[in-house]
Amino acid sequence: MARTKKTPLRKCVATREMKPKQQLIRIVKNQDGDVFVDETGKKNGRGAYLSKDRSVIDMAEDQDILSRHLNTKVGSEIYDQLKQIVEE
C-alpha cells in the first residue's frame, strides 16, 4: 500500500491560521540578529511565517507583529520585500 506524503503545516503569526508551508513566507532572525526573508524556508534561525496575502502583510506591519515575534526591530524594508514577493 502506498503512503501519501504528509503536508507540513505552519501557523501564520498574524492570522494564527494553520496553513501548508508553501502558502506562507518565512522571515528569519539569525544568531547575529539580522532579519531577512527566507524564500527557501531552510535557513538557520528563529522563523516567523506570514500568509502570502497583501492584507495580512499590511496588518502585520501596522501592528508590528514581526518585531514582537522575533524580539527585535523589523524595518520597513522587510515589509516592502514581502509585498514585492506577494505581488509577483
Protein backbone atom coordinates (compact mmCIF):
# COMPACT_ATOMS: atom_id res chain seq x y z
CA MET A 1 0.00 0.00 0.00
CA ALA A 2 1.38 3.41 -0.97
CA ARG A 3 1.51 6.03 1.75
CA THR A 4 0.67 9.63 0.97
CA LYS A 5 3.21 12.22 1.98
CA LYS A 6 2.16 14.43 4.87
CA THR A 7 1.92 18.15 4.08
CA PRO A 8 3.84 20.28 6.61
CA LEU A 9 1.64 22.89 8.30
CA ARG A 10 2.79 26.15 9.87
CA LYS A 11 0.95 28.93 11.72
CA CYS A 12 0.73 32.46 10.35
CA VAL A 13 1.80 34.82 13.17
CA ALA A 14 -0.69 37.48 12.05
CA THR A 15 -3.88 35.48 11.47
CA ARG A 16 -2.96 32.44 13.63
CA GLU A 17 -4.24 30.12 10.91
CA MET A 18 -2.57 26.78 10.21
CA LYS A 19 -1.71 26.57 6.51
CA PRO A 20 0.51 24.45 4.27
CA LYS A 21 4.09 25.70 4.37
CA GLN A 22 4.01 26.52 0.62
CA GLN A 23 1.27 29.14 1.20
CA LEU A 24 3.41 31.08 3.72
CA ILE A 25 6.51 33.28 3.64
CA ARG A 26 9.22 32.72 6.28
CA ILE A 27 11.02 35.63 7.94
CA VAL A 28 14.18 34.72 9.90
CA LYS A 29 16.27 36.29 12.64
CA ASN A 30 19.71 34.65 12.73
CA GLN A 31 22.22 34.44 15.61
CA ASP A 32 23.77 37.78 14.63
CA GLY A 33 20.39 39.50 14.95
CA ASP A 34 19.95 40.04 11.21
CA VAL A 35 16.37 39.82 9.96
CA PHE A 36 15.70 38.70 6.39
CA VAL A 37 13.13 36.97 4.19
CA ASP A 38 13.89 33.27 3.72
CA GLU A 39 12.38 32.21 0.40
CA THR A 40 13.85 28.69 0.68
CA GLY A 41 12.34 28.10 4.13
CA LYS A 42 15.51 26.33 5.30
CA LYS A 43 17.85 28.99 6.72
CA ASN A 44 19.05 28.74 10.33
CA GLY A 45 17.49 30.99 12.94
CA ARG A 46 14.21 31.85 14.59
CA GLY A 47 11.47 31.91 12.00
CA ALA A 48 8.08 33.54 11.71
CA TYR A 49 5.56 32.78 8.99
CA LEU A 50 3.16 35.16 7.23
CA SER A 51 0.46 34.32 4.71
CA LYS A 52 1.10 35.27 1.10
CA ASP A 53 -1.63 37.91 1.23
CA ARG A 54 -1.15 41.68 0.93
CA SER A 55 -3.78 42.47 3.59
CA VAL A 56 -2.07 40.14 6.09
CA ILE A 57 1.32 41.78 5.45
CA ASP A 58 -0.23 45.24 5.89
CA MET A 59 -1.84 44.12 9.16
CA ALA A 60 1.48 42.70 10.40
CA GLU A 61 3.21 45.98 9.56
CA ASP A 62 0.55 48.15 11.24
CA GLN A 63 0.56 46.07 14.43
CA ASP A 64 4.35 45.43 14.38
CA ILE A 65 3.72 41.69 14.77
CA LEU A 66 7.09 40.53 13.39
CA SER A 67 9.05 42.75 15.79
CA ARG A 68 7.22 41.24 18.75
CA HIS A 69 7.54 37.68 17.50
CA LEU A 70 11.26 37.91 16.63
CA ASN A 71 12.15 40.09 19.66
CA THR A 72 13.92 42.68 17.54
CA LYS A 73 13.09 45.74 15.44
CA VAL A 74 11.96 44.77 11.94
CA GLY A 75 12.47 47.56 9.43
CA SER A 76 10.08 48.69 6.72
CA GLU A 77 12.41 47.28 4.02
CA ILE A 78 11.44 43.75 5.15
CA TYR A 79 7.76 44.57 4.71
CA ASP A 80 8.49 46.14 1.31
CA GLN A 81 10.29 42.95 0.26
CA LEU A 82 7.34 40.85 1.44
CA LYS A 83 4.92 42.98 -0.58
CA GLN A 84 7.07 42.52 -3.70
CA ILE A 85 7.04 38.74 -3.23
CA VAL A 86 3.24 38.68 -2.89
CA GLU A 87 2.71 40.84 -5.98
CA GLU A 88 4.81 38.56 -8.21
